[in-house]
Amino acid sequence: ETPRVLTFIMEPETPVSFKTGQAMRWNLPGVKIGRLFSVASAGGENIRELQFTIRIFDDGTFTSHLPGLKIGDTIEIMGPYGNFIFDATKLRDVGLIAGGSGISVLRAIYCDMLAKNVSHRVHLVFSVLTIDEIIYKDELAELAKTHLNFTYTVVVTEPHPSWEGYTGFVTKEIFDQEFKDYTEEFYICGPKAFIDCSQGFLHQAGVPDERIHIDQWTFYAPKLMK
């Protein structure tokens, strides 16, 4: 996806069931620890293909092993885990707010909505550090062309001469432009500071907590990381 982000497509030996927004724990042969990663594809019953989009850290005790995976390799997955779940029964427009690789779990939501051909709008505000770190860049552009109810805006923190959109950090003024009346059901994922700021902007706009859903990776017990 980007120099630091890889997408992995996995075919389970037997179909799996999970809800859009949930995560799976990965275990690799020879690696003592496991890690939880959000599924970047829509959930459902008897799913036969899973997609994960993961930021790779060169010194990561787990993710540093992932670039060496090859087609046909076998890993163990456990789950699903998590309460960050997209509720498709809530009949309103959706606002997605992503920081960096936090877009991976939000991708599962927009894929779910668009696959079901719902009439409600889904709008994504996506904050990235540089123009080289726009995950799903081509996919987002294609979806905006083929689905009239899908729109997105990218905010690039570090300015670049070729970038004509928003630059700098996400602000309340940007949210006001993008979400207008703030009537959406909001889903947020990204670094903690980004989440805190975004949630604060929504509160300032009068959005109640029941319409704000946050993926902060606080749902799993410490024993899962051993």
C-alpha atoms as a PDB file:
ATOM      1  CA  GLU A   1       0.000   0.000   0.000  1.00  0.00           C
ATOM      2  CA  THR A   2       2.766   2.432   1.026  1.00  0.00           C
ATOM      3  CA  PRO A   3       6.469   2.071   1.888  1.00  0.00           C
ATOM      4  CA  ARG A   4       5.493   1.187   5.475  1.00  0.00           C
ATOM      5  CA  VAL A   5       2.131  -0.527   5.041  1.00  0.00           C
ATOM      6  CA  LEU A   6       1.366  -3.963   3.597  1.00  0.00           C
ATOM      7  CA  THR A   7      -1.937  -5.669   2.840  1.00  0.00           C
ATOM      8  CA  PHE A   8      -2.247  -9.411   3.383  1.00  0.00           C
ATOM      9  CA  ILE A   9      -5.037 -11.543   1.927  1.00  0.00           C
ATOM     10  CA  MET A  10      -5.738 -14.735   3.822  1.00  0.00           C
ATOM     11  CA  GLU A  11      -7.810 -17.758   2.850  1.00  0.00           C
ATOM     12  CA  PRO A  12      -8.986 -19.596   5.992  1.00  0.00           C
ATOM     13  CA  GLU A  13      -8.924 -23.385   5.891  1.00  0.00           C
ATOM     14  CA  THR A  14     -12.551 -23.272   7.005  1.00  0.00           C
ATOM     15  CA  PRO A  15     -14.955 -20.332   6.610  1.00  0.00           C
ATOM     16  CA  VAL A  16     -15.041 -17.869   9.514  1.00  0.00           C
ATOM     17  CA  SER A  17     -17.776 -15.603  10.858  1.00  0.00           C
ATOM     18  CA  PHE A  18     -17.227 -12.177  12.389  1.00  0.00           C
ATOM     19  CA  LYS A  19     -18.743  -8.729  12.481  1.00  0.00           C
ATOM     20  CA  THR A  20     -17.500  -5.765  10.472  1.00  0.00           C
ATOM     21  CA  GLY A  21     -14.993  -3.899  12.636  1.00  0.00           C
ATOM     22  CA  GLN A  22     -13.696  -6.831  14.650  1.00  0.00           C
ATOM     23  CA  ALA A  23     -10.119  -8.098  14.914  1.00  0.00           C
ATOM     24  CA  MET A  24      -8.245 -11.386  14.759  1.00  0.00           C
ATOM     25  CA  ARG A  25      -5.147 -12.497  16.628  1.00  0.00           C
ATOM     26  CA  TRP A  26      -2.240 -13.646  14.476  1.00  0.00           C
ATOM     27  CA  ASN A  27       0.268 -16.278  15.596  1.00  0.00           C
ATOM     28  CA  LEU A  28       3.355 -17.057  13.500  1.00  0.00           C
ATOM     29  CA  PRO A  29       5.430 -20.233  13.665  1.00  0.00           C
ATOM     30  CA  GLY A  30       8.581 -19.611  15.655  1.00  0.00           C
ATOM     31  CA  VAL A  31       7.445 -16.260  17.023  1.00  0.00           C
ATOM     32  CA  LYS A  32       6.640 -16.373  20.736  1.00  0.00           C
ATOM     33  CA  ILE A  33       4.168 -13.490  20.803  1.00  0.00           C
ATOM     34  CA  GLY A  34       0.971 -12.896  18.863  1.00  0.00           C
ATOM     35  CA  ARG A  35      -0.711  -9.692  17.760  1.00  0.00           C
ATOM     36  CA  LEU A  36      -4.245  -8.501  17.153  1.00  0.00           C
ATOM     37  CA  PHE A  37      -5.074  -6.870  13.829  1.00  0.00           C
ATOM     38  CA  SER A  38      -8.375  -5.457  12.651  1.00  0.00           C
ATOM     39  CA  VAL A  39      -9.895  -7.160   9.644  1.00  0.00           C
ATOM     40  CA  ALA A  40      -9.871  -4.682   6.769  1.00  0.00           C
ATOM     41  CA  SER A  41     -12.669  -6.421   4.882  1.00  0.00           C
ATOM     42  CA  ALA A  42     -16.388  -6.637   5.588  1.00  0.00           C
ATOM     43  CA  GLY A  43     -17.655  -9.177   8.087  1.00  0.00           C
ATOM     44  CA  GLY A  44     -20.435 -11.720   7.753  1.00  0.00           C
ATOM     45  CA  GLU A  45     -21.161 -15.413   8.014  1.00  0.00           C
ATOM     46  CA  ASN A  46     -18.900 -18.095   6.497  1.00  0.00           C
ATOM     47  CA  ILE A  47     -16.348 -15.666   5.076  1.00  0.00           C
ATOM     48  CA  ARG A  48     -13.752 -17.346   2.864  1.00  0.00           C
ATOM     49  CA  GLU A  49     -11.294 -14.473   2.457  1.00  0.00           C
ATOM     50  CA  LEU A  50      -9.873 -12.011   4.999  1.00  0.00           C
ATOM     51  CA  GLN A  51      -7.907  -8.865   4.300  1.00  0.00           C
ATOM     52  CA  PHE A  52      -5.540  -7.207   6.771  1.00  0.00           C
ATOM     53  CA  THR A  53      -3.687  -3.935   6.201  1.00  0.00           C
ATOM     54  CA  ILE A  54      -0.781  -3.609   8.632  1.00  0.00           C
ATOM     55  CA  ARG A  55       1.854  -0.992   9.317  1.00  0.00           C
ATOM     56  CA  ILE A  56       5.289  -2.601   9.457  1.00  0.00           C
ATOM     57  CA  PHE A  57       7.826  -1.501  12.058  1.00  0.00           C
ATOM     58  CA  ASP A  58      11.430  -2.474  11.280  1.00  0.00           C
ATOM     59  CA  ASP A  59      12.109  -3.029  14.970  1.00  0.00           C
ATOM     60  CA  GLY A  60       8.669  -4.448  15.744  1.00  0.00           C
ATOM     61  CA  THR A  61       8.784  -7.648  17.749  1.00  0.00           C
ATOM     62  CA  PHE A  62       5.973  -9.039  15.599  1.00  0.00           C
ATOM     63  CA  THR A  63       5.390  -6.951  12.473  1.00  0.00           C
ATOM     64  CA  SER A  64       9.072  -7.135  11.465  1.00  0.00           C
ATOM     65  CA  HIS A  65       8.451 -10.815  10.644  1.00  0.00           C
ATOM     66  CA  LEU A  66       5.542 -10.126   8.287  1.00  0.00           C
ATOM     67  CA  PRO A  67       7.370  -8.919   5.137  1.00  0.00           C
ATOM     68  CA  GLY A  68       8.979 -12.361   4.928  1.00  0.00           C
ATOM     69  CA  LEU A  69       5.644 -14.133   4.490  1.00  0.00           C
ATOM     70  CA  LYS A  70       5.147 -15.768   1.092  1.00  0.00           C
ATOM     71  CA  ILE A  71       2.119 -16.917  -0.866  1.00  0.00           C
ATOM     72  CA  GLY A  72       1.079 -20.286   0.513  1.00  0.00           C
ATOM     73  CA  ASP A  73       2.524 -19.783   3.992  1.00  0.00           C
ATOM     74  CA  THR A  74       0.325 -20.868   6.892  1.00  0.00           C
ATOM     75  CA  ILE A  75      -0.366 -18.827  10.000  1.00  0.00           C
ATOM     76  CA  GLU A  76      -2.764 -19.315  12.898  1.00  0.00           C
ATOM     77  CA  ILE A  77      -5.587 -16.879  13.561  1.00  0.00           C
ATOM     78  CA  MET A  78      -7.837 -16.664  16.609  1.00  0.00           C
ATOM     79  CA  GLY A  79     -10.979 -14.663  17.179  1.00  0.00           C
ATOM     80  CA  PRO A  80     -12.903 -12.656  16.433  1.00  0.00           C
ATOM     81  CA  TYR A  81     -12.333 -10.099  19.180  1.00  0.00           C
ATOM     82  CA  GLY A  82     -13.574  -6.603  19.870  1.00  0.00           C
ATOM     83  CA  ASN A  83     -16.613  -4.433  20.390  1.00  0.00           C
ATOM     84  CA  PHE A  84     -15.859  -1.883  17.684  1.00  0.00           C
ATOM     85  CA  ILE A  85     -18.626  -3.113  15.425  1.00  0.00           C
ATOM     86  CA  PHE A  86     -20.407  -1.463  12.528  1.00  0.00           C
ATOM     87  CA  ASP A  87     -24.162  -1.537  13.060  1.00  0.00           C
ATOM     88  CA  ALA A  88     -25.790  -1.558   9.644  1.00  0.00           C
ATOM     89  CA  THR A  89     -29.255  -1.371  11.187  1.00  0.00           C
ATOM     90  CA  LYS A  90     -28.751   2.269  12.172  1.00  0.00           C
ATOM     91  CA  LEU A  91     -30.376   4.010   9.244  1.00  0.00           C
ATOM     92  CA  ARG A  92     -28.337   7.170   8.852  1.00  0.00           C
ATOM     93  CA  ASP A  93     -25.333   8.504   6.934  1.00  0.00           C
ATOM     94  CA  VAL A  94     -21.872   7.475   8.144  1.00  0.00           C
ATOM     95  CA  GLY A  95     -18.827   9.608   8.854  1.00  0.00           C
ATOM     96  CA  LEU A  96     -15.464   7.815   8.943  1.00  0.00           C
ATOM     97  CA  ILE A  97     -12.484   9.551  10.568  1.00  0.00           C
ATOM     98  CA  ALA A  98      -9.121   7.850  10.038  1.00  0.00           C
ATOM     99  CA  GLY A  99      -5.587   8.618  11.120  1.00  0.00           C
ATOM    100  CA  GLY A 100      -2.812   6.755   9.308  1.00  0.00           C
ATOM    101  CA  SER A 101      -3.170   2.967   9.292  1.00  0.00           C
ATOM    102  CA  GLY A 102      -6.323   3.362  11.366  1.00  0.00           C
ATOM    103  CA  ILE A 103      -8.096   3.459   8.021  1.00  0.00           C
ATOM    104  CA  SER A 104      -7.791  -0.332   7.767  1.00  0.00           C
ATOM    105  CA  VAL A 105     -10.757  -1.117  10.022  1.00  0.00           C
ATOM    106  CA  LEU A 106     -12.762   1.762   8.543  1.00  0.00           C
ATOM    107  CA  ARG A 107     -12.232   0.224   5.126  1.00  0.00           C
ATOM    108  CA  ALA A 108     -14.216  -2.746   6.375  1.00  0.00           C
ATOM    109  CA  ILE A 109     -17.116  -0.384   7.080  1.00  0.00           C
ATOM    110  CA  TYR A 110     -17.193   1.374   3.720  1.00  0.00           C
ATOM    111  CA  CYS A 111     -16.759  -1.941   1.915  1.00  0.00           C
ATOM    112  CA  ASP A 112     -19.687  -3.353   3.897  1.00  0.00           C
ATOM    113  CA  MET A 113     -21.920  -0.398   3.074  1.00  0.00           C
ATOM    114  CA  LEU A 114     -21.046  -0.219  -0.609  1.00  0.00           C
ATOM    115  CA  ALA A 115     -21.371  -3.983  -1.115  1.00  0.00           C
ATOM    116  CA  LYS A 116     -24.915  -3.810   0.233  1.00  0.00           C
ATOM    117  CA  ASN A 117     -25.781  -0.892  -2.069  1.00  0.00           C
ATOM    118  CA  VAL A 118     -27.266   1.118   0.754  1.00  0.00           C
ATOM    119  CA  SER A 119     -28.611   4.557  -0.135  1.00  0.00           C
ATOM    120  CA  HIS A 120     -27.044   6.311   2.838  1.00  0.00           C
ATOM    121  CA  ARG A 121     -23.949   8.436   2.305  1.00  0.00           C
ATOM    122  CA  VAL A 122     -20.543   7.488   3.655  1.00  0.00           C
ATOM    123  CA  HIS A 123     -17.903  10.213   3.912  1.00  0.00           C
ATOM    124  CA  LEU A 124     -14.290   9.598   4.928  1.00  0.00           C
ATOM    125  CA  VAL A 125     -11.862  12.152   6.361  1.00  0.00           C
ATOM    126  CA  PHE A 126      -8.395  10.596   6.218  1.00  0.00           C
ATOM    127  CA  SER A 127      -5.341  12.187   7.856  1.00  0.00           C
ATOM    128  CA  VAL A 128      -1.875  11.095   6.709  1.00  0.00           C
ATOM    129  CA  LEU A 129       1.622  12.368   7.407  1.00  0.00           C
ATOM    130  CA  THR A 130       2.816  12.669   3.787  1.00  0.00           C
ATOM    131  CA  ILE A 131       1.403  12.178   0.294  1.00  0.00           C
ATOM    132  CA  ASP A 132       3.319   8.884   0.065  1.00  0.00           C
ATOM    133  CA  GLU A 133       1.290   7.451   2.952  1.00  0.00           C
ATOM    134  CA  ILE A 134      -2.197   7.592   1.457  1.00  0.00           C
ATOM    135  CA  ILE A 135      -3.280   3.997   2.044  1.00  0.00           C
ATOM    136  CA  TYR A 136      -5.802   2.651  -0.520  1.00  0.00           C
ATOM    137  CA  LYS A 137      -5.178   5.696  -2.708  1.00  0.00           C
ATOM    138  CA  ASP A 138      -6.288   4.062  -5.976  1.00  0.00           C
ATOM    139  CA  GLU A 139      -9.177   2.187  -4.368  1.00  0.00           C
ATOM    140  CA  LEU A 140     -10.591   5.334  -2.792  1.00  0.00           C
ATOM    141  CA  ALA A 141     -10.472   7.195  -6.097  1.00  0.00           C
ATOM    142  CA  GLU A 142     -12.176   4.338  -7.933  1.00  0.00           C
ATOM    143  CA  LEU A 143     -14.922   3.939  -5.330  1.00  0.00           C
ATOM    144  CA  ALA A 144     -15.682   7.654  -5.444  1.00  0.00           C
ATOM    145  CA  LYS A 145     -16.184   7.324  -9.201  1.00  0.00           C
ATOM    146  CA  THR A 146     -18.378   4.237  -9.080  1.00  0.00           C
ATOM    147  CA  HIS A 147     -20.493   4.988  -5.977  1.00  0.00           C
ATOM    148  CA  LEU A 148     -22.291   8.310  -5.843  1.00  0.00           C
ATOM    149  CA  ASN A 149     -22.884   7.949  -2.099  1.00  0.00           C
ATOM    150  CA  PHE A 150     -19.175   7.560  -1.267  1.00  0.00           C
ATOM    151  CA  THR A 151     -16.918  10.581  -0.842  1.00  0.00           C
ATOM    152  CA  TYR A 152     -13.593  11.142   0.850  1.00  0.00           C
ATOM    153  CA  THR A 153     -11.161  13.898   1.782  1.00  0.00           C
ATOM    154  CA  VAL A 154      -7.467  13.452   2.549  1.00  0.00           C
ATOM    155  CA  VAL A 155      -5.608  15.794   4.908  1.00  0.00           C
ATOM    156  CA  VAL A 156      -1.810  15.737   4.499  1.00  0.00           C
ATOM    157  CA  THR A 157       0.120  16.866   7.571  1.00  0.00           C
ATOM    158  CA  GLU A 158       3.365  17.780   5.811  1.00  0.00           C
ATOM    159  CA  PRO A 159       2.776  20.104   2.804  1.00  0.00           C
ATOM    160  CA  HIS A 160       3.982  19.046  -0.643  1.00  0.00           C
ATOM    161  CA  PRO A 161       4.170  21.200  -3.797  1.00  0.00           C
ATOM    162  CA  SER A 162       1.941  18.799  -5.729  1.00  0.00           C
ATOM    163  CA  TRP A 163      -0.768  18.616  -3.055  1.00  0.00           C
ATOM    164  CA  GLU A 164      -3.762  20.895  -3.525  1.00  0.00           C
ATOM    165  CA  GLY A 165      -5.952  19.683  -0.645  1.00  0.00           C
ATOM    166  CA  TYR A 166      -5.967  20.312   3.089  1.00  0.00           C
ATOM    167  CA  THR A 167      -2.564  20.409   4.820  1.00  0.00           C
ATOM    168  CA  GLY A 168      -1.529  20.364   8.460  1.00  0.00           C
ATOM    169  CA  PHE A 169      -3.377  18.745  11.334  1.00  0.00           C
ATOM    170  CA  VAL A 170      -7.084  17.999  11.230  1.00  0.00           C
ATOM    171  CA  THR A 171      -8.988  20.946  12.734  1.00  0.00           C
ATOM    172  CA  LYS A 172     -12.518  21.772  13.818  1.00  0.00           C
ATOM    173  CA  GLU A 173     -12.768  24.034  10.758  1.00  0.00           C
ATOM    174  CA  ILE A 174     -12.005  21.089   8.475  1.00  0.00           C
ATOM    175  CA  PHE A 175     -14.647  18.995  10.227  1.00  0.00           C
ATOM    176  CA  ASP A 176     -17.161  21.846   9.838  1.00  0.00           C
ATOM    177  CA  GLN A 177     -16.499  21.898   6.085  1.00  0.00           C
ATOM    178  CA  GLU A 178     -16.632  18.138   5.687  1.00  0.00           C
ATOM    179  CA  PHE A 179     -19.510  17.159   7.958  1.00  0.00           C
ATOM    180  CA  LYS A 180     -21.635  20.343   7.863  1.00  0.00           C
ATOM    181  CA  ASP A 181     -24.588  19.501  10.134  1.00  0.00           C
ATOM    182  CA  TYR A 182     -22.895  16.554  11.866  1.00  0.00           C
ATOM    183  CA  THR A 183     -25.889  14.252  11.458  1.00  0.00           C
ATOM    184  CA  GLU A 184     -23.813  11.145  10.706  1.00  0.00           C
ATOM    185  CA  GLU A 185     -23.023   8.056  12.743  1.00  0.00           C
ATOM    186  CA  PHE A 186     -19.272   8.501  13.348  1.00  0.00           C
ATOM    187  CA  TYR A 187     -16.538   5.852  13.471  1.00  0.00           C
ATOM    188  CA  ILE A 188     -12.978   6.854  14.437  1.00  0.00           C
ATOM    189  CA  CYS A 189      -9.666   4.990  14.367  1.00  0.00           C
ATOM    190  CA  GLY A 190      -6.080   6.224  14.547  1.00  0.00           C
ATOM    191  CA  PRO A 191      -3.391   7.292  17.038  1.00  0.00           C
ATOM    192  CA  LYS A 192      -4.702   8.204  20.491  1.00  0.00           C
ATOM    193  CA  ALA A 193      -3.957  11.926  20.144  1.00  0.00           C
ATOM    194  CA  PHE A 194      -5.795  11.966  16.821  1.00  0.00           C
ATOM    195  CA  ILE A 195      -8.768  10.150  18.327  1.00  0.00           C
ATOM    196  CA  ASP A 196      -8.917  12.516  21.297  1.00  0.00           C
ATOM    197  CA  CYS A 197      -8.866  15.601  19.057  1.00  0.00           C
ATOM    198  CA  SER A 198     -11.466  14.192  16.681  1.00  0.00           C
ATOM    199  CA  GLN A 199     -13.775  13.182  19.491  1.00  0.00           C
ATOM    200  CA  GLY A 200     -13.381  16.648  21.010  1.00  0.00           C
ATOM    201  CA  PHE A 201     -14.343  18.326  17.730  1.00  0.00           C
ATOM    202  CA  LEU A 202     -17.445  16.150  17.460  1.00  0.00           C
ATOM    203  CA  HIS A 203     -18.441  16.995  21.027  1.00  0.00           C
ATOM    204  CA  GLN A 204     -17.980  20.695  20.289  1.00  0.00           C
ATOM    205  CA  ALA A 205     -20.340  20.269  17.354  1.00  0.00           C
ATOM    206  CA  GLY A 206     -22.950  18.715  19.630  1.00  0.00           C
ATOM    207  CA  VAL A 207     -22.615  15.086  18.520  1.00  0.00           C
ATOM    208  CA  PRO A 208     -23.741  12.799  21.380  1.00  0.00           C
ATOM    209  CA  ASP A 209     -21.575   9.903  22.528  1.00  0.00           C
ATOM    210  CA  GLU A 210     -24.093   7.361  21.251  1.00  0.00           C
ATOM    211  CA  ARG A 211     -23.227   8.438  17.697  1.00  0.00           C
ATOM    212  CA  ILE A 212     -19.456   8.276  18.215  1.00  0.00           C
ATOM    213  CA  HIS A 213     -17.751   4.882  17.935  1.00  0.00           C
ATOM    214  CA  ILE A 214     -14.027   4.621  18.661  1.00  0.00           C
ATOM    215  CA  ASP A 215     -11.539   1.835  18.033  1.00  0.00           C
ATOM    216  CA  GLN A 216      -8.895   2.365  20.732  1.00  0.00           C
ATOM    217  CA  TRP A 217      -7.618  -1.194  21.096  1.00  0.00           C
ATOM    218  CA  THR A 218      -8.661  -1.428  24.731  1.00  0.00           C
ATOM    219  CA  PHE A 219     -10.905  -4.459  24.346  1.00  0.00           C
ATOM    220  CA  TYR A 220      -8.442  -7.302  24.714  1.00  0.00           C
ATOM    221  CA  ALA A 221      -7.111  -8.829  27.905  1.00  0.00           C
ATOM    222  CA  PRO A 222      -3.339  -8.646  28.498  1.00  0.00           C
ATOM    223  CA  LYS A 223      -3.112 -12.428  28.417  1.00  0.00           C
ATOM    224  CA  LEU A 224      -3.846 -12.358  24.669  1.00  0.00           C
ATOM    225  CA  MET A 225      -0.547 -10.595  24.091  1.00  0.00           C
ATOM    226  CA  LYS A 226       1.598 -13.198  25.861  1.00  0.00           C
END
